[in-house]
Amino acid sequence: GPDLSAARFGPVATVLPTGRVLIAGGDLAGTADLFDAAEGGFVATGIPLPDGVRVLATGTLLSDGRVLLAGGTTIVFTPLPAAQTLATTAIFDPKTRAFTAGPALRAPRASHAAVRLPDGRVLITGGVGRSDTEVIDAAAMESVAGPPLTGVRDDHAATLLPDGRVLVTGGQDATGRSLASAEVLDPGATSFRPLAASMGSRRADHEALRLPGGGVLILGGEDDPADGSPDAILDTVEWFDPATETFLPLPALAVPRDDHRAARLADGGILVTGGEDETSTSIAAVEVYRPR
């Protein structure tokens, strides 16, 4: 495919209702590009972000077709200045192909998770050193305190279930140790509740993908023991059953991966791309996973 307008590490990619893809931010990249597969390339490049470089942020499609970028840091790698965690948001409007400043977060966040709720607001969960959440109303340009998590989580996944529950899986605790636990926010609840069942593997930087039947496919990730020993890169796959709130083991990935991406194909297969191996080397291998 065509090259991006700038090198990017840790950007967010969001599919718009038109099928176009917004690729925004990343280390040392304070811009975004807009890709259109039907036209065979980028239809806009170098779109400036209001706050410049933004990495380890979240990108959430809003109900009106705009995209909300939330939090992140200003930089991950050298050169200096050192990273600054952001409490700002930015909103992309595909009609104008431009960003504007969005409502401020209640707290700076990076490596958090975001999910659009049934009412159109966006729930932001956790982040490095954080167990709190907040709910962003982009239309009203405000963010209010949300239901607290049961503990600190970052590099976790948040998934909206068909009945309005929000499933939060894995991540890392305040010590950097990967978690096997999961928790759920019930509609109208004032706090998350821990699930009795845990995942079969501790995992962070994994993928959690809701499938048409309502279950959630959880793929790969890393198990960091936070004791100085090496991280384990996972090939394990699990299925979350919303009816029983339990996790079931599935056949493994062909390649262990963390920080990878997964997307559902039209034939029901799951395209799994990239990530890192146990030496933190980027992975070129691609596979199609077929849930059973």
C-alpha atoms as a PDB file:
ATOM      1  CA  GLY A   1       0.000   0.000   0.000  1.00  0.00           C
ATOM      2  CA  PRO A   2       0.955   3.676  -0.069  1.00  0.00           C
ATOM      3  CA  ASP A   3       3.336   5.120   2.522  1.00  0.00           C
ATOM      4  CA  LEU A   4       2.126   7.121   5.501  1.00  0.00           C
ATOM      5  CA  SER A   5       2.987  10.799   5.522  1.00  0.00           C
ATOM      6  CA  ALA A   6       5.198  10.274   8.603  1.00  0.00           C
ATOM      7  CA  ALA A   7       6.784   7.413  10.519  1.00  0.00           C
ATOM      8  CA  ARG A   8       4.467   6.410  13.373  1.00  0.00           C
ATOM      9  CA  PHE A   9       4.912   4.240  16.477  1.00  0.00           C
ATOM     10  CA  GLY A  10       1.761   3.637  18.539  1.00  0.00           C
ATOM     11  CA  PRO A  11      -0.815   5.546  16.455  1.00  0.00           C
ATOM     12  CA  VAL A  12      -4.549   4.824  16.592  1.00  0.00           C
ATOM     13  CA  ALA A  13      -6.479   3.642  13.541  1.00  0.00           C
ATOM     14  CA  THR A  14     -10.239   4.186  13.457  1.00  0.00           C
ATOM     15  CA  VAL A  15     -12.639   2.986  10.762  1.00  0.00           C
ATOM     16  CA  LEU A  16     -15.191   5.645   9.777  1.00  0.00           C
ATOM     17  CA  PRO A  17     -18.790   4.869   8.701  1.00  0.00           C
ATOM     18  CA  THR A  18     -17.722   5.514   5.089  1.00  0.00           C
ATOM     19  CA  GLY A  19     -15.072   2.786   5.307  1.00  0.00           C
ATOM     20  CA  ARG A  20     -12.236   5.284   5.319  1.00  0.00           C
ATOM     21  CA  VAL A  21      -9.582   4.833   8.020  1.00  0.00           C
ATOM     22  CA  LEU A  22      -8.184   7.641  10.169  1.00  0.00           C
ATOM     23  CA  ILE A  23      -4.587   6.948  11.283  1.00  0.00           C
ATOM     24  CA  ALA A  24      -3.672   9.493  13.934  1.00  0.00           C
ATOM     25  CA  GLY A  25      -0.678  10.351  16.079  1.00  0.00           C
ATOM     26  CA  GLY A  26       2.168   8.086  17.065  1.00  0.00           C
ATOM     27  CA  ASP A  27       5.624   8.744  18.447  1.00  0.00           C
ATOM     28  CA  LEU A  28       7.157  11.865  16.855  1.00  0.00           C
ATOM     29  CA  ALA A  29       4.062  12.321  14.645  1.00  0.00           C
ATOM     30  CA  GLY A  30       1.703  15.182  15.512  1.00  0.00           C
ATOM     31  CA  THR A  31      -0.440  14.569  12.453  1.00  0.00           C
ATOM     32  CA  ALA A  32      -3.014  12.187  10.978  1.00  0.00           C
ATOM     33  CA  ASP A  33      -3.651  10.608   7.570  1.00  0.00           C
ATOM     34  CA  LEU A  34      -6.985   9.581   6.042  1.00  0.00           C
ATOM     35  CA  PHE A  35      -6.977   6.385   3.948  1.00  0.00           C
ATOM     36  CA  ASP A  36      -9.607   5.354   1.402  1.00  0.00           C
ATOM     37  CA  ALA A  37      -9.273   1.803   0.052  1.00  0.00           C
ATOM     38  CA  ALA A  38     -11.845   2.459  -2.678  1.00  0.00           C
ATOM     39  CA  GLU A  39      -9.684   5.270  -4.028  1.00  0.00           C
ATOM     40  CA  GLY A  40      -6.523   3.222  -3.566  1.00  0.00           C
ATOM     41  CA  GLY A  41      -4.669   5.592  -1.265  1.00  0.00           C
ATOM     42  CA  PHE A  42      -4.680   8.490   1.162  1.00  0.00           C
ATOM     43  CA  VAL A  43      -7.173  11.266   0.472  1.00  0.00           C
ATOM     44  CA  ALA A  44      -5.666  13.581   3.103  1.00  0.00           C
ATOM     45  CA  THR A  45      -2.251  13.529   4.802  1.00  0.00           C
ATOM     46  CA  GLY A  46      -0.413  15.513   7.433  1.00  0.00           C
ATOM     47  CA  ILE A  47      -3.607  16.689   9.157  1.00  0.00           C
ATOM     48  CA  PRO A  48      -2.310  18.511  12.277  1.00  0.00           C
ATOM     49  CA  LEU A  49      -3.368  17.442  15.775  1.00  0.00           C
ATOM     50  CA  PRO A  50      -4.264  20.309  18.158  1.00  0.00           C
ATOM     51  CA  ASP A  51      -1.693  19.258  20.772  1.00  0.00           C
ATOM     52  CA  GLY A  52       1.012  17.962  18.464  1.00  0.00           C
ATOM     53  CA  VAL A  53       2.510  14.535  19.117  1.00  0.00           C
ATOM     54  CA  ARG A  54       0.145  12.073  20.806  1.00  0.00           C
ATOM     55  CA  VAL A  55       1.039   8.401  21.404  1.00  0.00           C
ATOM     56  CA  LEU A  56      -0.553   5.660  23.558  1.00  0.00           C
ATOM     57  CA  ALA A  57      -3.894   7.434  23.167  1.00  0.00           C
ATOM     58  CA  THR A  58      -7.308   5.973  22.332  1.00  0.00           C
ATOM     59  CA  GLY A  59      -9.390   6.628  19.238  1.00  0.00           C
ATOM     60  CA  THR A  60     -13.164   6.133  19.459  1.00  0.00           C
ATOM     61  CA  LEU A  61     -15.749   6.501  16.712  1.00  0.00           C
ATOM     62  CA  LEU A  62     -18.597   8.728  17.940  1.00  0.00           C
ATOM     63  CA  SER A  63     -22.223   8.128  17.018  1.00  0.00           C
ATOM     64  CA  ASP A  64     -22.215  11.171  14.721  1.00  0.00           C
ATOM     65  CA  GLY A  65     -19.263   9.849  12.680  1.00  0.00           C
ATOM     66  CA  ARG A  66     -16.583  11.992  14.287  1.00  0.00           C
ATOM     67  CA  VAL A  67     -13.556  10.459  16.068  1.00  0.00           C
ATOM     68  CA  LEU A  68     -12.473  11.231  19.638  1.00  0.00           C
ATOM     69  CA  LEU A  69      -8.751  10.989  20.473  1.00  0.00           C
ATOM     70  CA  ALA A  70      -8.185  10.925  24.246  1.00  0.00           C
ATOM     71  CA  GLY A  71      -5.097  11.191  26.424  1.00  0.00           C
ATOM     72  CA  GLY A  72      -1.751   9.598  25.648  1.00  0.00           C
ATOM     73  CA  THR A  73       1.727  10.993  26.020  1.00  0.00           C
ATOM     74  CA  THR A  74       3.733  13.509  24.034  1.00  0.00           C
ATOM     75  CA  ILE A  75       6.643  11.149  23.355  1.00  0.00           C
ATOM     76  CA  VAL A  76       7.842   7.639  24.214  1.00  0.00           C
ATOM     77  CA  PHE A  77      11.382   7.443  22.863  1.00  0.00           C
ATOM     78  CA  THR A  78      14.248   9.929  22.797  1.00  0.00           C
ATOM     79  CA  PRO A  79      15.038  12.656  21.817  1.00  0.00           C
ATOM     80  CA  LEU A  80      14.010  14.765  24.790  1.00  0.00           C
ATOM     81  CA  PRO A  81      11.858  16.347  26.169  1.00  0.00           C
ATOM     82  CA  ALA A  82      10.657  13.558  28.419  1.00  0.00           C
ATOM     83  CA  ALA A  83       7.141  12.231  27.990  1.00  0.00           C
ATOM     84  CA  GLN A  84       4.260  14.304  29.291  1.00  0.00           C
ATOM     85  CA  THR A  85       0.993  12.479  29.961  1.00  0.00           C
ATOM     86  CA  LEU A  86      -1.930  14.337  28.390  1.00  0.00           C
ATOM     87  CA  ALA A  87      -5.306  15.303  29.833  1.00  0.00           C
ATOM     88  CA  THR A  88      -6.494  16.701  26.513  1.00  0.00           C
ATOM     89  CA  THR A  89      -8.739  15.288  23.786  1.00  0.00           C
ATOM     90  CA  ALA A  90      -9.118  16.078  20.096  1.00  0.00           C
ATOM     91  CA  ILE A  91     -12.096  15.494  17.790  1.00  0.00           C
ATOM     92  CA  PHE A  92     -11.749  14.752  14.069  1.00  0.00           C
ATOM     93  CA  ASP A  93     -14.603  15.786  11.779  1.00  0.00           C
ATOM     94  CA  PRO A  94     -14.546  13.862   8.473  1.00  0.00           C
ATOM     95  CA  LYS A  95     -16.635  16.602   6.823  1.00  0.00           C
ATOM     96  CA  THR A  96     -13.948  19.228   7.353  1.00  0.00           C
ATOM     97  CA  ARG A  97     -11.039  16.743   7.524  1.00  0.00           C
ATOM     98  CA  ALA A  98      -9.740  18.660  10.522  1.00  0.00           C
ATOM     99  CA  PHE A  99      -9.326  18.287  14.286  1.00  0.00           C
ATOM    100  CA  THR A 100     -10.622  20.597  16.977  1.00  0.00           C
ATOM    101  CA  ALA A 101      -9.915  20.523  20.698  1.00  0.00           C
ATOM    102  CA  GLY A 102     -12.332  18.326  22.642  1.00  0.00           C
ATOM    103  CA  PRO A 103     -13.350  18.376  26.317  1.00  0.00           C
ATOM    104  CA  ALA A 104     -10.536  18.106  28.846  1.00  0.00           C
ATOM    105  CA  LEU A 105     -10.076  14.844  30.714  1.00  0.00           C
ATOM    106  CA  ARG A 106     -10.447  14.899  34.488  1.00  0.00           C
ATOM    107  CA  ALA A 107      -6.971  13.351  34.781  1.00  0.00           C
ATOM    108  CA  PRO A 108      -3.960  12.762  32.503  1.00  0.00           C
ATOM    109  CA  ARG A 109      -4.038   9.212  31.085  1.00  0.00           C
ATOM    110  CA  ALA A 110      -1.911   6.940  28.912  1.00  0.00           C
ATOM    111  CA  SER A 111      -2.237   3.229  28.112  1.00  0.00           C
ATOM    112  CA  HIS A 112      -5.903   3.453  29.114  1.00  0.00           C
ATOM    113  CA  ALA A 113      -8.909   1.963  27.290  1.00  0.00           C
ATOM    114  CA  ALA A 114     -12.014   3.537  25.772  1.00  0.00           C
ATOM    115  CA  VAL A 115     -15.401   2.232  24.680  1.00  0.00           C
ATOM    116  CA  ARG A 116     -18.475   3.983  23.264  1.00  0.00           C
ATOM    117  CA  LEU A 117     -21.538   3.380  25.426  1.00  0.00           C
ATOM    118  CA  PRO A 118     -25.044   2.758  24.022  1.00  0.00           C
ATOM    119  CA  ASP A 119     -26.025   6.369  24.768  1.00  0.00           C
ATOM    120  CA  GLY A 120     -23.156   7.683  22.619  1.00  0.00           C
ATOM    121  CA  ARG A 121     -20.877   8.812  25.436  1.00  0.00           C
ATOM    122  CA  VAL A 122     -17.351   7.396  25.744  1.00  0.00           C
ATOM    123  CA  LEU A 123     -16.156   5.535  28.841  1.00  0.00           C
ATOM    124  CA  ILE A 124     -12.421   5.962  29.555  1.00  0.00           C
ATOM    125  CA  THR A 125     -10.965   3.364  31.956  1.00  0.00           C
ATOM    126  CA  GLY A 126      -7.758   3.306  33.951  1.00  0.00           C
ATOM    127  CA  GLY A 127      -4.339   4.117  32.565  1.00  0.00           C
ATOM    128  CA  VAL A 128      -0.867   3.993  34.079  1.00  0.00           C
ATOM    129  CA  GLY A 129      -1.290   4.086  37.866  1.00  0.00           C
ATOM    130  CA  ARG A 130      -5.044   4.728  37.691  1.00  0.00           C
ATOM    131  CA  SER A 131      -8.142   2.845  38.872  1.00  0.00           C
ATOM    132  CA  ASP A 132     -10.648   5.612  38.139  1.00  0.00           C
ATOM    133  CA  THR A 133     -12.764   6.131  35.036  1.00  0.00           C
ATOM    134  CA  GLU A 134     -14.518   9.014  33.357  1.00  0.00           C
ATOM    135  CA  VAL A 135     -17.325   9.431  30.857  1.00  0.00           C
ATOM    136  CA  ILE A 136     -16.928  11.897  27.985  1.00  0.00           C
ATOM    137  CA  ASP A 137     -19.907  13.588  26.372  1.00  0.00           C
ATOM    138  CA  ALA A 138     -18.435  15.054  23.191  1.00  0.00           C
ATOM    139  CA  ALA A 139     -21.705  16.803  22.266  1.00  0.00           C
ATOM    140  CA  ALA A 140     -21.819  18.627  25.608  1.00  0.00           C
ATOM    141  CA  MET A 141     -18.020  19.103  25.629  1.00  0.00           C
ATOM    142  CA  GLU A 142     -17.675  17.730  29.148  1.00  0.00           C
ATOM    143  CA  SER A 143     -16.253  14.777  31.064  1.00  0.00           C
ATOM    144  CA  VAL A 144     -17.647  13.502  34.365  1.00  0.00           C
ATOM    145  CA  ALA A 145     -16.356  10.973  36.870  1.00  0.00           C
ATOM    146  CA  GLY A 146     -17.296   7.395  36.014  1.00  0.00           C
ATOM    147  CA  PRO A 147     -17.679   4.185  38.041  1.00  0.00           C
ATOM    148  CA  PRO A 148     -14.340   3.138  39.603  1.00  0.00           C
ATOM    149  CA  LEU A 149     -12.504  -0.010  38.577  1.00  0.00           C
ATOM    150  CA  THR A 150     -11.750  -2.612  41.238  1.00  0.00           C
ATOM    151  CA  GLY A 151      -8.031  -1.832  40.949  1.00  0.00           C
ATOM    152  CA  VAL A 152      -5.313  -0.159  38.895  1.00  0.00           C
ATOM    153  CA  ARG A 153      -5.168  -1.268  35.260  1.00  0.00           C
ATOM    154  CA  ASP A 154      -3.248  -0.117  32.215  1.00  0.00           C
ATOM    155  CA  ASP A 155      -2.648  -1.807  28.841  1.00  0.00           C
ATOM    156  CA  HIS A 156      -5.996  -3.575  29.359  1.00  0.00           C
ATOM    157  CA  ALA A 157      -8.955  -4.024  26.998  1.00  0.00           C
ATOM    158  CA  ALA A 158     -12.515  -2.731  27.353  1.00  0.00           C
ATOM    159  CA  THR A 159     -15.321  -4.280  25.280  1.00  0.00           C
ATOM    160  CA  LEU A 160     -18.999  -3.334  25.047  1.00  0.00           C
ATOM    161  CA  LEU A 161     -21.275  -6.394  25.241  1.00  0.00           C
ATOM    162  CA  PRO A 162     -24.625  -6.582  23.376  1.00  0.00           C
ATOM    163  CA  ASP A 163     -26.691  -5.991  26.537  1.00  0.00           C
ATOM    164  CA  GLY A 164     -24.788  -2.827  27.490  1.00  0.00           C
ATOM    165  CA  ARG A 165     -22.353  -4.378  29.957  1.00  0.00           C
ATOM    166  CA  VAL A 166     -18.695  -3.334  29.636  1.00  0.00           C
ATOM    167  CA  LEU A 167     -16.088  -6.085  29.993  1.00  0.00           C
ATOM    168  CA  VAL A 168     -12.571  -5.091  31.118  1.00  0.00           C
ATOM    169  CA  THR A 169      -9.883  -7.764  30.775  1.00  0.00           C
ATOM    170  CA  GLY A 170      -6.269  -8.074  31.887  1.00  0.00           C
ATOM    171  CA  GLY A 171      -3.752  -5.275  31.806  1.00  0.00           C
ATOM    172  CA  GLN A 172      -1.135  -4.439  34.420  1.00  0.00           C
ATOM    173  CA  ASP A 173      -1.464  -3.477  38.075  1.00  0.00           C
ATOM    174  CA  ALA A 174       0.373  -0.715  39.936  1.00  0.00           C
ATOM    175  CA  THR A 175       3.547  -2.847  40.110  1.00  0.00           C
ATOM    176  CA  GLY A 176       3.541  -3.601  36.383  1.00  0.00           C
ATOM    177  CA  ARG A 177       2.453  -7.224  36.895  1.00  0.00           C
ATOM    178  CA  SER A 178       0.129  -8.613  34.240  1.00  0.00           C
ATOM    179  CA  LEU A 179      -3.374  -9.554  35.360  1.00  0.00           C
ATOM    180  CA  ALA A 180      -5.597 -12.564  34.682  1.00  0.00           C
ATOM    181  CA  SER A 181      -8.592 -10.921  36.317  1.00  0.00           C
ATOM    182  CA  ALA A 182     -11.550  -9.294  34.608  1.00  0.00           C
ATOM    183  CA  GLU A 183     -14.383  -7.053  35.721  1.00  0.00           C
ATOM    184  CA  VAL A 184     -17.725  -5.878  34.394  1.00  0.00           C
ATOM    185  CA  LEU A 185     -19.732  -2.681  34.544  1.00  0.00           C
ATOM    186  CA  ASP A 186     -23.457  -3.396  34.514  1.00  0.00           C
ATOM    187  CA  PRO A 187     -25.804  -0.805  32.942  1.00  0.00           C
ATOM    188  CA  GLY A 188     -26.668   1.810  35.550  1.00  0.00           C
ATOM    189  CA  ALA A 189     -24.138   0.499  38.101  1.00  0.00           C
ATOM    190  CA  THR A 190     -22.033   2.910  40.157  1.00  0.00           C
ATOM    191  CA  SER A 191     -18.919   0.695  40.195  1.00  0.00           C
ATOM    192  CA  PHE A 192     -17.351  -2.204  38.341  1.00  0.00           C
ATOM    193  CA  ARG A 193     -17.695  -5.673  39.847  1.00  0.00           C
ATOM    194  CA  PRO A 194     -14.974  -8.335  39.702  1.00  0.00           C
ATOM    195  CA  LEU A 195     -15.780 -11.527  37.840  1.00  0.00           C
ATOM    196  CA  ALA A 196     -15.552 -14.774  39.763  1.00  0.00           C
ATOM    197  CA  ALA A 197     -13.840 -16.374  36.760  1.00  0.00           C
ATOM    198  CA  SER A 198     -10.359 -15.345  35.661  1.00  0.00           C
ATOM    199  CA  MET A 199      -8.707 -15.750  32.298  1.00  0.00           C
ATOM    200  CA  GLY A 200      -6.524 -18.796  31.841  1.00  0.00           C
ATOM    201  CA  SER A 201      -3.482 -16.559  31.221  1.00  0.00           C
ATOM    202  CA  ARG A 202      -2.298 -13.329  32.741  1.00  0.00           C
ATOM    203  CA  ARG A 203      -2.155 -10.894  29.850  1.00  0.00           C
ATOM    204  CA  ALA A 204      -1.659  -7.251  28.889  1.00  0.00           C
ATOM    205  CA  ASP A 205      -1.385  -5.589  25.459  1.00  0.00           C
ATOM    206  CA  HIS A 206      -3.775  -8.234  24.121  1.00  0.00           C
ATOM    207  CA  GLU A 207      -6.628  -7.976  21.633  1.00  0.00           C
ATOM    208  CA  ALA A 208     -10.277  -8.378  22.666  1.00  0.00           C
ATOM    209  CA  LEU A 209     -12.703  -8.600  19.773  1.00  0.00           C
ATOM    210  CA  ARG A 210     -16.484  -8.907  20.125  1.00  0.00           C
ATOM    211  CA  LEU A 211     -17.928 -11.254  17.527  1.00  0.00           C
ATOM    212  CA  PRO A 212     -21.451 -11.213  16.022  1.00  0.00           C
ATOM    213  CA  GLY A 213     -22.780 -13.768  18.519  1.00  0.00           C
ATOM    214  CA  GLY A 214     -21.869 -11.460  21.391  1.00  0.00           C
ATOM    215  CA  GLY A 215     -18.925 -13.420  22.782  1.00  0.00           C
ATOM    216  CA  VAL A 216     -15.470 -11.873  23.063  1.00  0.00           C
ATOM    217  CA  LEU A 217     -12.356 -13.398  21.509  1.00  0.00           C
ATOM    218  CA  ILE A 218      -9.183 -12.640  23.512  1.00  0.00           C
ATOM    219  CA  LEU A 219      -5.913 -13.159  21.673  1.00  0.00           C
ATOM    220  CA  GLY A 220      -2.257 -13.119  22.699  1.00  0.00           C
ATOM    221  CA  GLY A 221      -0.592 -10.432  24.789  1.00  0.00           C
ATOM    222  CA  GLU A 222       2.256 -10.503  27.277  1.00  0.00           C
ATOM    223  CA  ASP A 223       2.603 -11.887  30.785  1.00  0.00           C
ATOM    224  CA  ASP A 224       4.933  -9.592  32.720  1.00  0.00           C
ATOM    225  CA  PRO A 225       5.738 -11.041  36.170  1.00  0.00           C
ATOM    226  CA  ALA A 226       7.195  -7.670  37.305  1.00  0.00           C
ATOM    227  CA  ASP A 227       9.935  -9.472  39.234  1.00  0.00           C
ATOM    228  CA  GLY A 228      12.823  -8.815  36.877  1.00  0.00           C
ATOM    229  CA  SER A 229      12.394 -12.022  34.898  1.00  0.00           C
ATOM    230  CA  PRO A 230      11.584 -11.881  31.172  1.00  0.00           C
ATOM    231  CA  ASP A 231       8.058 -11.317  29.914  1.00  0.00           C
ATOM    232  CA  ALA A 232       6.265 -14.281  28.370  1.00  0.00           C
ATOM    233  CA  ILE A 233       4.762 -13.501  24.957  1.00  0.00           C
ATOM    234  CA  LEU A 234       1.496 -15.400  24.584  1.00  0.00           C
ATOM    235  CA  ASP A 235      -0.026 -17.481  21.818  1.00  0.00           C
ATOM    236  CA  THR A 236      -3.033 -18.406  23.959  1.00  0.00           C
ATOM    237  CA  VAL A 237      -6.587 -17.573  22.913  1.00  0.00           C
ATOM    238  CA  GLU A 238      -9.698 -17.504  25.094  1.00  0.00           C
ATOM    239  CA  TRP A 239     -13.419 -17.030  24.562  1.00  0.00           C
ATOM    240  CA  PHE A 240     -15.532 -15.007  26.977  1.00  0.00           C
ATOM    241  CA  ASP A 241     -19.111 -16.234  27.236  1.00  0.00           C
ATOM    242  CA  PRO A 242     -21.360 -13.315  28.288  1.00  0.00           C
ATOM    243  CA  ALA A 243     -24.136 -15.664  29.437  1.00  0.00           C
ATOM    244  CA  THR A 244     -21.997 -17.507  32.011  1.00  0.00           C
ATOM    245  CA  GLU A 245     -19.300 -14.828  32.481  1.00  0.00           C
ATOM    246  CA  THR A 246     -16.623 -17.496  32.082  1.00  0.00           C
ATOM    247  CA  PHE A 247     -13.521 -17.865  29.918  1.00  0.00           C
ATOM    248  CA  LEU A 248     -12.999 -20.921  27.718  1.00  0.00           C
ATOM    249  CA  PRO A 249      -9.665 -21.938  26.151  1.00  0.00           C
ATOM    250  CA  LEU A 250      -9.417 -22.084  22.354  1.00  0.00           C
ATOM    251  CA  PRO A 251      -6.656 -23.309  19.988  1.00  0.00           C
ATOM    252  CA  ALA A 252      -3.508 -21.194  20.096  1.00  0.00           C
ATOM    253  CA  LEU A 253      -2.280 -18.616  17.615  1.00  0.00           C
ATOM    254  CA  ALA A 254       0.357 -19.765  15.143  1.00  0.00           C
ATOM    255  CA  VAL A 255       2.734 -17.043  16.411  1.00  0.00           C
ATOM    256  CA  PRO A 256       3.000 -15.663  19.991  1.00  0.00           C
ATOM    257  CA  ARG A 257       2.336 -11.888  19.893  1.00  0.00           C
ATOM    258  CA  ASP A 258       1.753  -8.816  21.996  1.00  0.00           C
ATOM    259  CA  ASP A 259       0.876  -5.286  20.870  1.00  0.00           C
ATOM    260  CA  HIS A 260      -0.654  -6.851  17.745  1.00  0.00           C
ATOM    261  CA  ARG A 261      -3.918  -6.056  15.956  1.00  0.00           C
ATOM    262  CA  ALA A 262      -6.924  -8.184  15.017  1.00  0.00           C
ATOM    263  CA  ALA A 263      -9.810  -7.506  12.625  1.00  0.00           C
ATOM    264  CA  ARG A 264     -12.830  -9.570  11.625  1.00  0.00           C
ATOM    265  CA  LEU A 265     -13.041 -10.581   7.965  1.00  0.00           C
ATOM    266  CA  ALA A 266     -16.247 -10.935   5.958  1.00  0.00           C
ATOM    267  CA  ASP A 267     -15.995 -14.751   5.994  1.00  0.00           C
ATOM    268  CA  GLY A 268     -15.787 -14.863   9.810  1.00  0.00           C
ATOM    269  CA  GLY A 269     -12.028 -15.323  10.051  1.00  0.00           C
ATOM    270  CA  ILE A 270      -9.906 -13.050  12.244  1.00  0.00           C
ATOM    271  CA  LEU A 271      -6.927 -11.366  10.596  1.00  0.00           C
ATOM    272  CA  VAL A 272      -4.079 -11.088  13.130  1.00  0.00           C
ATOM    273  CA  THR A 273      -1.150  -8.857  12.207  1.00  0.00           C
ATOM    274  CA  GLY A 274       2.166  -7.699  13.608  1.00  0.00           C
ATOM    275  CA  GLY A 275       3.088  -7.274  17.264  1.00  0.00           C
ATOM    276  CA  GLU A 276       6.310  -8.050  19.087  1.00  0.00           C
ATOM    277  CA  ASP A 277       8.095 -11.266  20.066  1.00  0.00           C
ATOM    278  CA  GLU A 278      10.020 -12.176  23.239  1.00  0.00           C
ATOM    279  CA  THR A 279      13.012 -10.065  22.141  1.00  0.00           C
ATOM    280  CA  SER A 280      10.783  -7.004  21.482  1.00  0.00           C
ATOM    281  CA  THR A 281      11.401  -7.496  17.754  1.00  0.00           C
ATOM    282  CA  SER A 282       8.528  -6.492  15.494  1.00  0.00           C
ATOM    283  CA  ILE A 283       6.717  -9.391  13.811  1.00  0.00           C
ATOM    284  CA  ALA A 284       6.071  -9.462  10.055  1.00  0.00           C
ATOM    285  CA  ALA A 285       4.053 -12.694  10.126  1.00  0.00           C
ATOM    286  CA  VAL A 286       0.296 -12.522   9.453  1.00  0.00           C
ATOM    287  CA  GLU A 287      -2.271 -15.211  10.211  1.00  0.00           C
ATOM    288  CA  VAL A 288      -6.001 -15.804   9.908  1.00  0.00           C
ATOM    289  CA  TYR A 289      -7.560 -17.275  13.045  1.00  0.00           C
ATOM    290  CA  ARG A 290     -10.882 -19.105  12.765  1.00  0.00           C
ATOM    291  CA  PRO A 291     -12.833 -19.381  16.043  1.00  0.00           C
ATOM    292  CA  ARG A 292     -14.541 -22.724  16.683  1.00  0.00           C
END
